[in-house]
Amino acid sequence: MELMKSITVFVLSVGLMGLLGLIVVDEFIMASEFGGELDPNIIELLQMAITGVVGIVAGFLASSSSNGSKSKGGCGNPECKCS
């Protein structure tokens, strides 16, 4: 089950980054072809989407590291006496 979760997060991240790359390349081509400026909404979309991808991956990494912990406390150190 853990492998399936890892694959799902990987596919989600790579797919979203690929889609964002396609949008950016398209916008740059359109802006250079017609002599216009890059749409500020595209930059905002990129910032929000990359923040979302980082949040998804960070949440996955935090959950996967806490599930495999064999320590007494919640810090992940087996010698720790923090509980």
N, C-alpha and C. Protein backbone atom coordinates (compact mmCIF):
# COMPACT_ATOMS: atom_id res chain seq x y z
N MET A 1 0.82 -1.20 0.00
CA MET A 1 0.00 0.00 0.00
C MET A 1 0.86 1.26 0.00
N GLU A 2 1.99 1.17 0.73
CA GLU A 2 2.88 2.34 0.79
C GLU A 2 3.47 2.64 -0.59
N LEU A 3 3.77 1.59 -1.35
CA LEU A 3 4.31 1.79 -2.69
C LEU A 3 3.29 2.47 -3.60
N MET A 4 2.04 2.08 -3.48
CA MET A 4 0.99 2.69 -4.30
C MET A 4 0.83 4.17 -3.97
N LYS A 5 0.93 4.50 -2.68
CA LYS A 5 0.83 5.90 -2.27
C LYS A 5 2.01 6.71 -2.82
N SER A 6 3.19 6.12 -2.80
CA SER A 6 4.38 6.80 -3.34
C SER A 6 4.24 7.03 -4.84
N ILE A 7 3.76 6.02 -5.55
CA ILE A 7 3.59 6.16 -6.99
C ILE A 7 2.54 7.20 -7.32
N THR A 8 1.46 7.24 -6.54
CA THR A 8 0.40 8.23 -6.78
C THR A 8 0.92 9.65 -6.59
N VAL A 9 1.68 9.89 -5.53
CA VAL A 9 2.23 11.23 -5.29
C VAL A 9 3.22 11.60 -6.38
N PHE A 10 4.02 10.63 -6.81
CA PHE A 10 4.99 10.89 -7.87
C PHE A 10 4.28 11.26 -9.18
N VAL A 11 3.29 10.47 -9.56
CA VAL A 11 2.57 10.74 -10.81
C VAL A 11 1.84 12.08 -10.74
N LEU A 12 1.24 12.38 -9.60
CA LEU A 12 0.56 13.65 -9.42
C LEU A 12 1.53 14.82 -9.56
N SER A 13 2.67 14.72 -8.92
CA SER A 13 3.65 15.81 -8.97
C SER A 13 4.23 15.98 -10.36
N VAL A 14 4.65 14.89 -10.98
CA VAL A 14 5.26 14.98 -12.31
C VAL A 14 4.23 15.44 -13.34
N GLY A 15 3.01 14.95 -13.24
CA GLY A 15 1.98 15.36 -14.18
C GLY A 15 1.63 16.82 -14.06
N LEU A 16 1.52 17.30 -12.84
CA LEU A 16 1.20 18.72 -12.64
C LEU A 16 2.34 19.62 -13.09
N MET A 17 3.57 19.22 -12.80
CA MET A 17 4.71 20.03 -13.25
C MET A 17 4.82 20.01 -14.78
N GLY A 18 4.52 18.89 -15.40
CA GLY A 18 4.53 18.82 -16.86
C GLY A 18 3.46 19.70 -17.48
N LEU A 19 2.28 19.68 -16.89
CA LEU A 19 1.20 20.54 -17.38
C LEU A 19 1.55 22.01 -17.22
N LEU A 20 2.14 22.36 -16.09
CA LEU A 20 2.56 23.75 -15.88
C LEU A 20 3.64 24.16 -16.87
N GLY A 21 4.57 23.24 -17.15
CA GLY A 21 5.60 23.54 -18.14
C GLY A 21 5.01 23.78 -19.52
N LEU A 22 4.02 22.98 -19.89
CA LEU A 22 3.35 23.15 -21.17
C LEU A 22 2.64 24.51 -21.24
N ILE A 23 1.99 24.90 -20.16
CA ILE A 23 1.29 26.20 -20.12
C ILE A 23 2.29 27.34 -20.26
N VAL A 24 3.42 27.25 -19.57
CA VAL A 24 4.42 28.32 -19.62
C VAL A 24 5.03 28.42 -21.01
N VAL A 25 5.38 27.29 -21.61
CA VAL A 25 5.96 27.32 -22.96
C VAL A 25 4.95 27.91 -23.94
N ASP A 26 3.71 27.52 -23.84
CA ASP A 26 2.67 28.06 -24.72
C ASP A 26 2.52 29.57 -24.54
N GLU A 27 2.52 30.03 -23.31
CA GLU A 27 2.37 31.47 -23.06
C GLU A 27 3.57 32.25 -23.57
N PHE A 28 4.78 31.71 -23.38
CA PHE A 28 5.96 32.40 -23.90
C PHE A 28 5.95 32.44 -25.42
N ILE A 29 5.53 31.36 -26.07
CA ILE A 29 5.45 31.35 -27.53
C ILE A 29 4.43 32.36 -28.02
N MET A 30 3.28 32.39 -27.37
CA MET A 30 2.23 33.34 -27.78
C MET A 30 2.68 34.78 -27.55
N ALA A 31 3.36 35.03 -26.43
CA ALA A 31 3.81 36.40 -26.14
C ALA A 31 4.88 36.84 -27.13
N SER A 32 5.81 35.95 -27.48
CA SER A 32 6.86 36.34 -28.42
C SER A 32 6.34 36.44 -29.85
N GLU A 33 5.38 35.61 -30.20
CA GLU A 33 4.85 35.61 -31.56
C GLU A 33 4.04 36.87 -31.85
N PHE A 34 3.28 37.32 -30.88
CA PHE A 34 2.43 38.49 -31.08
C PHE A 34 3.00 39.76 -30.47
N GLY A 35 4.20 39.71 -29.94
CA GLY A 35 4.85 40.90 -29.41
C GLY A 35 4.23 41.45 -28.15
N GLY A 36 3.51 40.64 -27.43
CA GLY A 36 2.87 41.10 -26.20
C GLY A 36 3.67 40.72 -24.97
N GLU A 37 3.13 41.07 -23.83
CA GLU A 37 3.77 40.73 -22.57
C GLU A 37 3.18 39.42 -22.04
N LEU A 38 3.93 38.81 -21.15
CA LEU A 38 3.46 37.60 -20.49
C LEU A 38 2.32 37.97 -19.54
N ASP A 39 1.27 37.23 -19.57
CA ASP A 39 0.10 37.50 -18.74
C ASP A 39 0.46 37.32 -17.26
N PRO A 40 0.21 38.32 -16.42
CA PRO A 40 0.53 38.19 -14.99
C PRO A 40 -0.27 37.09 -14.29
N ASN A 41 -1.42 36.74 -14.84
CA ASN A 41 -2.21 35.65 -14.25
C ASN A 41 -1.50 34.31 -14.38
N ILE A 42 -0.69 34.15 -15.43
CA ILE A 42 0.05 32.91 -15.61
C ILE A 42 1.12 32.78 -14.53
N ILE A 43 1.79 33.88 -14.22
CA ILE A 43 2.81 33.87 -13.16
C ILE A 43 2.15 33.54 -11.82
N GLU A 44 0.99 34.10 -11.56
CA GLU A 44 0.27 33.82 -10.32
C GLU A 44 -0.16 32.34 -10.27
N LEU A 45 -0.62 31.82 -11.40
CA LEU A 45 -0.99 30.41 -11.48
C LEU A 45 0.19 29.51 -11.15
N LEU A 46 1.35 29.83 -11.71
CA LEU A 46 2.55 29.05 -11.45
C LEU A 46 2.93 29.08 -9.97
N GLN A 47 2.90 30.26 -9.37
CA GLN A 47 3.26 30.37 -7.96
C GLN A 47 2.33 29.55 -7.08
N MET A 48 1.05 29.63 -7.33
CA MET A 48 0.09 28.89 -6.51
C MET A 48 0.19 27.39 -6.75
N ALA A 49 0.39 26.98 -7.99
CA ALA A 49 0.47 25.55 -8.29
C ALA A 49 1.74 24.93 -7.73
N ILE A 50 2.85 25.62 -7.82
CA ILE A 50 4.10 25.08 -7.27
C ILE A 50 4.02 25.01 -5.76
N THR A 51 3.38 25.98 -5.13
CA THR A 51 3.16 25.93 -3.69
C THR A 51 2.31 24.71 -3.32
N GLY A 52 1.31 24.43 -4.12
CA GLY A 52 0.46 23.26 -3.87
C GLY A 52 1.22 21.95 -4.02
N VAL A 53 2.07 21.86 -5.04
CA VAL A 53 2.86 20.64 -5.24
C VAL A 53 3.82 20.44 -4.08
N VAL A 54 4.47 21.51 -3.64
CA VAL A 54 5.38 21.42 -2.50
C VAL A 54 4.62 20.98 -1.25
N GLY A 55 3.42 21.49 -1.05
CA GLY A 55 2.61 21.09 0.10
C GLY A 55 2.21 19.63 0.05
N ILE A 56 1.84 19.15 -1.12
CA ILE A 56 1.45 17.74 -1.27
C ILE A 56 2.63 16.83 -0.98
N VAL A 57 3.78 17.14 -1.56
CA VAL A 57 4.97 16.30 -1.37
C VAL A 57 5.44 16.37 0.09
N ALA A 58 5.41 17.56 0.69
CA ALA A 58 5.82 17.69 2.09
C ALA A 58 4.87 16.92 3.01
N GLY A 59 3.59 16.98 2.75
CA GLY A 59 2.63 16.21 3.55
C GLY A 59 2.85 14.72 3.41
N PHE A 60 3.15 14.27 2.20
CA PHE A 60 3.44 12.85 1.99
C PHE A 60 4.69 12.43 2.74
N LEU A 61 5.75 13.23 2.62
CA LEU A 61 7.00 12.88 3.29
C LEU A 61 6.85 12.90 4.81
N ALA A 62 6.08 13.84 5.33
CA ALA A 62 5.86 13.90 6.78
C ALA A 62 5.07 12.69 7.26
N SER A 63 4.07 12.29 6.49
CA SER A 63 3.26 11.14 6.92
C SER A 63 4.02 9.84 6.78
N SER A 64 4.84 9.71 5.73
CA SER A 64 5.57 8.46 5.56
C SER A 64 6.71 8.33 6.56
N SER A 65 7.30 9.43 7.00
CA SER A 65 8.38 9.33 7.98
C SER A 65 7.83 9.07 9.38
N SER A 66 6.64 9.55 9.68
CA SER A 66 6.09 9.31 11.02
C SER A 66 5.50 7.91 11.15
N ASN A 67 5.07 7.30 10.05
CA ASN A 67 4.51 5.95 10.11
C ASN A 67 5.57 4.90 10.40
N GLY A 68 6.78 5.09 9.90
CA GLY A 68 7.84 4.12 10.09
C GLY A 68 8.64 4.33 11.35
N SER A 69 8.24 5.25 12.19
CA SER A 69 9.01 5.57 13.39
C SER A 69 8.83 4.49 14.45
N LYS A 70 9.95 4.03 15.03
CA LYS A 70 9.89 3.01 16.06
C LYS A 70 10.35 3.58 17.40
N SER A 71 10.28 4.87 17.53
CA SER A 71 10.75 5.48 18.78
C SER A 71 9.61 5.56 19.78
N LYS A 72 9.97 5.84 21.03
CA LYS A 72 8.96 6.01 22.06
C LYS A 72 8.23 7.33 21.88
N GLY A 73 8.97 8.37 21.54
CA GLY A 73 8.38 9.69 21.36
C GLY A 73 7.99 9.93 19.93
N GLY A 74 7.64 11.15 19.65
CA GLY A 74 7.22 11.49 18.30
C GLY A 74 8.32 12.10 17.46
N CYS A 75 9.55 12.20 18.00
CA CYS A 75 10.60 12.89 17.29
C CYS A 75 11.36 12.01 16.29
N GLY A 76 11.21 10.69 16.35
CA GLY A 76 11.87 9.80 15.41
C GLY A 76 13.21 9.27 15.90
N ASN A 77 13.67 9.71 17.05
CA ASN A 77 14.94 9.23 17.60
C ASN A 77 14.66 8.09 18.55
N PRO A 78 15.18 6.87 18.30
CA PRO A 78 14.87 5.74 19.16
C PRO A 78 15.46 5.86 20.59
N GLU A 79 16.54 6.65 20.73
CA GLU A 79 17.13 6.82 22.06
C GLU A 79 16.50 7.96 22.85
N CYS A 80 15.59 8.70 22.24
CA CYS A 80 15.01 9.87 22.88
C CYS A 80 14.04 9.47 23.99
N LYS A 81 14.00 10.25 25.06
CA LYS A 81 13.07 10.01 26.16
C LYS A 81 12.08 11.15 26.28
N CYS A 82 11.61 11.64 25.14
CA CYS A 82 10.75 12.81 25.14
C CYS A 82 9.26 12.51 25.33
N SER A 83 8.90 11.27 25.47
CA SER A 83 7.48 10.97 25.64
C SER A 83 7.15 10.94 27.07
